[in-house]
Structure formats: C-alpha cells, structure tokens
Amino acid sequence: RAEGSDVKVRTMRNTGEVYCSAYCSRNFNNELPTAWRGACCSHAETREGTVLSCHEKSDFPIICECRRYDEAPFLKGTASGDFDDTRYECSEAGQTKSGDITEEDVPD
C-alpha cells in the first residue's frame, strides 16, 4: 500500500452521476491541477453537507475531495460505463485499489 499525498482538491462539477472514486481517478471535467499524474477519492459529500461514500451516486451534485496520488496514473475513459469505477479510494494510511489496473486503463 503506497502513501497518498496530503495535497487535496475539492471538486464542484460532479452532477451526482459519477462515483467520486471514478471522478478523481479519471480527472472528470479537468478539475485537478495539471501537475498531478493521478488522484484518489478521500471524501465525498453533497453540497448540502450529507457525507457519502466514494462509491455512491446522488440525485444532487456531489463535492469530491481528491487527493494527489501520482503513483497511480489517471485512468482514461469518461463514458457512462466508467462512472462506477471503485478502484481509486484513499484511506487514512494511503491509497487502496479494489481491482486490477490494466495497461488499457492508463493513457499513453
């Protein structure tokens, strides 16, 4: 298990249709800094402050807190089938993945 960086960004453009684990790992809407090579989800909540799992959707917009994690490169793909990706969720000790990353997942 690798350590994630303490650098975090709170996103504002997830409509609620995408798990924050997928939103962070794929840099949906290009909300994360260009210097980052990867990210994991450290927290998720609605704009009203209801805490969600990083693997939860909502009928309302979601704020995703993404932590820089350059050791796990951003995944490619932002089609609807990619909205449910659960592999990049941060933990307090570092970053965990609940699935295998293949070469096809990572951009060239």
C-alpha atoms as a PDB file:
ATOM      1  CA  ARG A   1       0.000   0.000   0.000  1.00  0.00           C
ATOM      2  CA  ALA A   2       1.506   3.302  -1.074  1.00  0.00           C
ATOM      3  CA  GLU A   3       1.136   6.615   0.700  1.00  0.00           C
ATOM      4  CA  GLY A   4      -1.009   9.325  -0.886  1.00  0.00           C
ATOM      5  CA  SER A   5      -0.035  12.970  -0.827  1.00  0.00           C
ATOM      6  CA  ASP A   6      -1.642  15.392   1.613  1.00  0.00           C
ATOM      7  CA  VAL A   7      -2.465  17.720  -1.290  1.00  0.00           C
ATOM      8  CA  LYS A   8      -6.250  17.704  -1.832  1.00  0.00           C
ATOM      9  CA  VAL A   9      -8.709  19.442  -4.144  1.00  0.00           C
ATOM     10  CA  ARG A  10     -12.472  19.725  -3.627  1.00  0.00           C
ATOM     11  CA  THR A  11     -14.246  19.457  -6.985  1.00  0.00           C
ATOM     12  CA  MET A  12     -17.516  21.190  -7.785  1.00  0.00           C
ATOM     13  CA  ARG A  13     -18.701  19.825 -11.144  1.00  0.00           C
ATOM     14  CA  ASN A  14     -19.814  16.238 -10.417  1.00  0.00           C
ATOM     15  CA  THR A  15     -23.543  16.226 -11.195  1.00  0.00           C
ATOM     16  CA  GLY A  16     -24.052  13.197  -8.939  1.00  0.00           C
ATOM     17  CA  GLU A  17     -23.938  10.648 -11.764  1.00  0.00           C
ATOM     18  CA  VAL A  18     -20.319   9.580 -11.138  1.00  0.00           C
ATOM     19  CA  TYR A  19     -18.743   7.873  -8.120  1.00  0.00           C
ATOM     20  CA  CYS A  20     -16.107  10.169  -6.646  1.00  0.00           C
ATOM     21  CA  SER A  21     -13.601   7.299  -6.882  1.00  0.00           C
ATOM     22  CA  ALA A  22     -14.143   7.369 -10.661  1.00  0.00           C
ATOM     23  CA  TYR A  23     -14.328  11.177 -10.794  1.00  0.00           C
ATOM     24  CA  CYS A  24     -10.931  11.577  -9.124  1.00  0.00           C
ATOM     25  CA  SER A  25      -9.177   8.669 -10.856  1.00  0.00           C
ATOM     26  CA  ARG A  26     -10.178   9.904 -14.316  1.00  0.00           C
ATOM     27  CA  ASN A  27      -9.989  13.659 -13.636  1.00  0.00           C
ATOM     28  CA  PHE A  28     -13.508  14.191 -14.953  1.00  0.00           C
ATOM     29  CA  ASN A  29     -14.078  17.800 -16.097  1.00  0.00           C
ATOM     30  CA  ASN A  30     -10.344  18.515 -15.706  1.00  0.00           C
ATOM     31  CA  GLU A  31     -10.795  19.998 -12.221  1.00  0.00           C
ATOM     32  CA  LEU A  32      -7.490  18.739 -10.839  1.00  0.00           C
ATOM     33  CA  PRO A  33      -4.125  20.510 -11.235  1.00  0.00           C
ATOM     34  CA  THR A  34      -2.257  19.770 -14.454  1.00  0.00           C
ATOM     35  CA  ALA A  35       0.871  18.864 -12.468  1.00  0.00           C
ATOM     36  CA  TRP A  36      -0.908  15.859 -10.957  1.00  0.00           C
ATOM     37  CA  ARG A  37      -0.438  12.488 -12.662  1.00  0.00           C
ATOM     38  CA  GLY A  38      -3.068  10.658 -10.596  1.00  0.00           C
ATOM     39  CA  ALA A  39      -5.587  11.013  -7.761  1.00  0.00           C
ATOM     40  CA  CYS A  40      -7.768   9.025  -5.376  1.00  0.00           C
ATOM     41  CA  CYS A  41     -11.012   9.916  -3.592  1.00  0.00           C
ATOM     42  CA  SER A  42     -10.578  10.862   0.062  1.00  0.00           C
ATOM     43  CA  HIS A  43     -14.092  12.199   0.782  1.00  0.00           C
ATOM     44  CA  ALA A  44     -17.480  12.753  -0.850  1.00  0.00           C
ATOM     45  CA  GLU A  45     -20.493  14.832   0.155  1.00  0.00           C
ATOM     46  CA  THR A  46     -23.494  16.608  -1.294  1.00  0.00           C
ATOM     47  CA  ARG A  47     -23.427  20.391  -1.488  1.00  0.00           C
ATOM     48  CA  GLU A  48     -25.797  20.359   1.486  1.00  0.00           C
ATOM     49  CA  GLY A  49     -23.128  18.550   3.523  1.00  0.00           C
ATOM     50  CA  THR A  50     -24.500  14.989   3.559  1.00  0.00           C
ATOM     51  CA  VAL A  51     -21.483  12.684   3.698  1.00  0.00           C
ATOM     52  CA  LEU A  52     -21.383   9.959   1.035  1.00  0.00           C
ATOM     53  CA  SER A  53     -19.163   7.015   0.273  1.00  0.00           C
ATOM     54  CA  CYS A  54     -16.641   7.498  -2.544  1.00  0.00           C
ATOM     55  CA  HIS A  55     -18.695   4.754  -4.266  1.00  0.00           C
ATOM     56  CA  GLU A  56     -22.076   6.462  -4.099  1.00  0.00           C
ATOM     57  CA  LYS A  57     -24.123   8.472  -6.573  1.00  0.00           C
ATOM     58  CA  SER A  58     -26.707  11.119  -5.809  1.00  0.00           C
ATOM     59  CA  ASP A  59     -29.687  12.831  -7.377  1.00  0.00           C
ATOM     60  CA  PHE A  60     -27.889  16.060  -6.454  1.00  0.00           C
ATOM     61  CA  PRO A  61     -24.395  17.416  -7.234  1.00  0.00           C
ATOM     62  CA  ILE A  62     -21.528  15.847  -5.297  1.00  0.00           C
ATOM     63  CA  ILE A  63     -18.379  17.505  -3.999  1.00  0.00           C
ATOM     64  CA  CYS A  64     -15.476  15.084  -4.387  1.00  0.00           C
ATOM     65  CA  GLU A  65     -12.326  15.582  -2.383  1.00  0.00           C
ATOM     66  CA  CYS A  66      -9.487  14.198  -4.481  1.00  0.00           C
ATOM     67  CA  ARG A  67      -6.034  13.584  -3.048  1.00  0.00           C
ATOM     68  CA  ARG A  68      -2.972  13.737  -5.285  1.00  0.00           C
ATOM     69  CA  TYR A  69      -1.647  10.243  -5.943  1.00  0.00           C
ATOM     70  CA  ASP A  70       0.923  10.330  -8.730  1.00  0.00           C
ATOM     71  CA  GLU A  71       1.896   6.681  -8.205  1.00  0.00           C
ATOM     72  CA  ALA A  72      -1.476   5.633  -9.681  1.00  0.00           C
ATOM     73  CA  PRO A  73      -1.772   7.399 -13.069  1.00  0.00           C
ATOM     74  CA  PHE A  74      -5.087   8.865 -14.164  1.00  0.00           C
ATOM     75  CA  LEU A  75      -7.277   6.324 -15.914  1.00  0.00           C
ATOM     76  CA  LYS A  76      -8.668   7.019 -19.361  1.00  0.00           C
ATOM     77  CA  GLY A  77     -12.302   6.972 -20.320  1.00  0.00           C
ATOM     78  CA  THR A  78     -15.192   9.155 -19.269  1.00  0.00           C
ATOM     79  CA  ALA A  79     -18.048   7.241 -20.882  1.00  0.00           C
ATOM     80  CA  SER A  80     -21.050   6.216 -18.784  1.00  0.00           C
ATOM     81  CA  GLY A  81     -19.538   2.764 -18.213  1.00  0.00           C
ATOM     82  CA  ASP A  82     -16.650   4.421 -16.384  1.00  0.00           C
ATOM     83  CA  PHE A  83     -18.892   6.222 -13.860  1.00  0.00           C
ATOM     84  CA  ASP A  84     -18.897   3.262 -11.432  1.00  0.00           C
ATOM     85  CA  ASP A  85     -15.139   2.641 -11.135  1.00  0.00           C
ATOM     86  CA  THR A  86     -14.287   1.918  -7.484  1.00  0.00           C
ATOM     87  CA  ARG A  87     -10.559   1.274  -7.723  1.00  0.00           C
ATOM     88  CA  TYR A  88      -9.107   4.600  -6.530  1.00  0.00           C
ATOM     89  CA  GLU A  89     -10.258   5.337  -2.991  1.00  0.00           C
ATOM     90  CA  CYS A  90      -7.837   6.842  -0.479  1.00  0.00           C
ATOM     91  CA  SER A  91      -7.585   5.562   3.039  1.00  0.00           C
ATOM     92  CA  GLU A  92      -6.018   7.320   6.008  1.00  0.00           C
ATOM     93  CA  ALA A  93      -2.917   5.154   5.611  1.00  0.00           C
ATOM     94  CA  GLY A  94      -2.580   5.666   1.882  1.00  0.00           C
ATOM     95  CA  GLN A  95      -4.407   4.663  -1.264  1.00  0.00           C
ATOM     96  CA  THR A  96      -6.244   1.423  -1.886  1.00  0.00           C
ATOM     97  CA  LYS A  97      -7.460  -0.190  -5.070  1.00  0.00           C
ATOM     98  CA  SER A  98     -10.274  -2.713  -5.229  1.00  0.00           C
ATOM     99  CA  GLY A  99      -9.438  -4.032  -8.682  1.00  0.00           C
ATOM    100  CA  ASP A 100      -6.645  -4.552 -11.119  1.00  0.00           C
ATOM    101  CA  ILE A 101      -5.430  -1.748 -13.354  1.00  0.00           C
ATOM    102  CA  THR A 102      -4.546  -2.910 -16.847  1.00  0.00           C
ATOM    103  CA  GLU A 103      -2.435  -1.214 -19.483  1.00  0.00           C
ATOM    104  CA  GLU A 104      -5.611  -0.417 -21.420  1.00  0.00           C
ATOM    105  CA  ASP A 105      -6.863   1.659 -18.472  1.00  0.00           C
ATOM    106  CA  VAL A 106      -3.953   4.098 -18.480  1.00  0.00           C
ATOM    107  CA  PRO A 107      -3.447   6.721 -21.203  1.00  0.00           C
ATOM    108  CA  ASP A 108      -0.296   6.563 -23.331  1.00  0.00           C
END
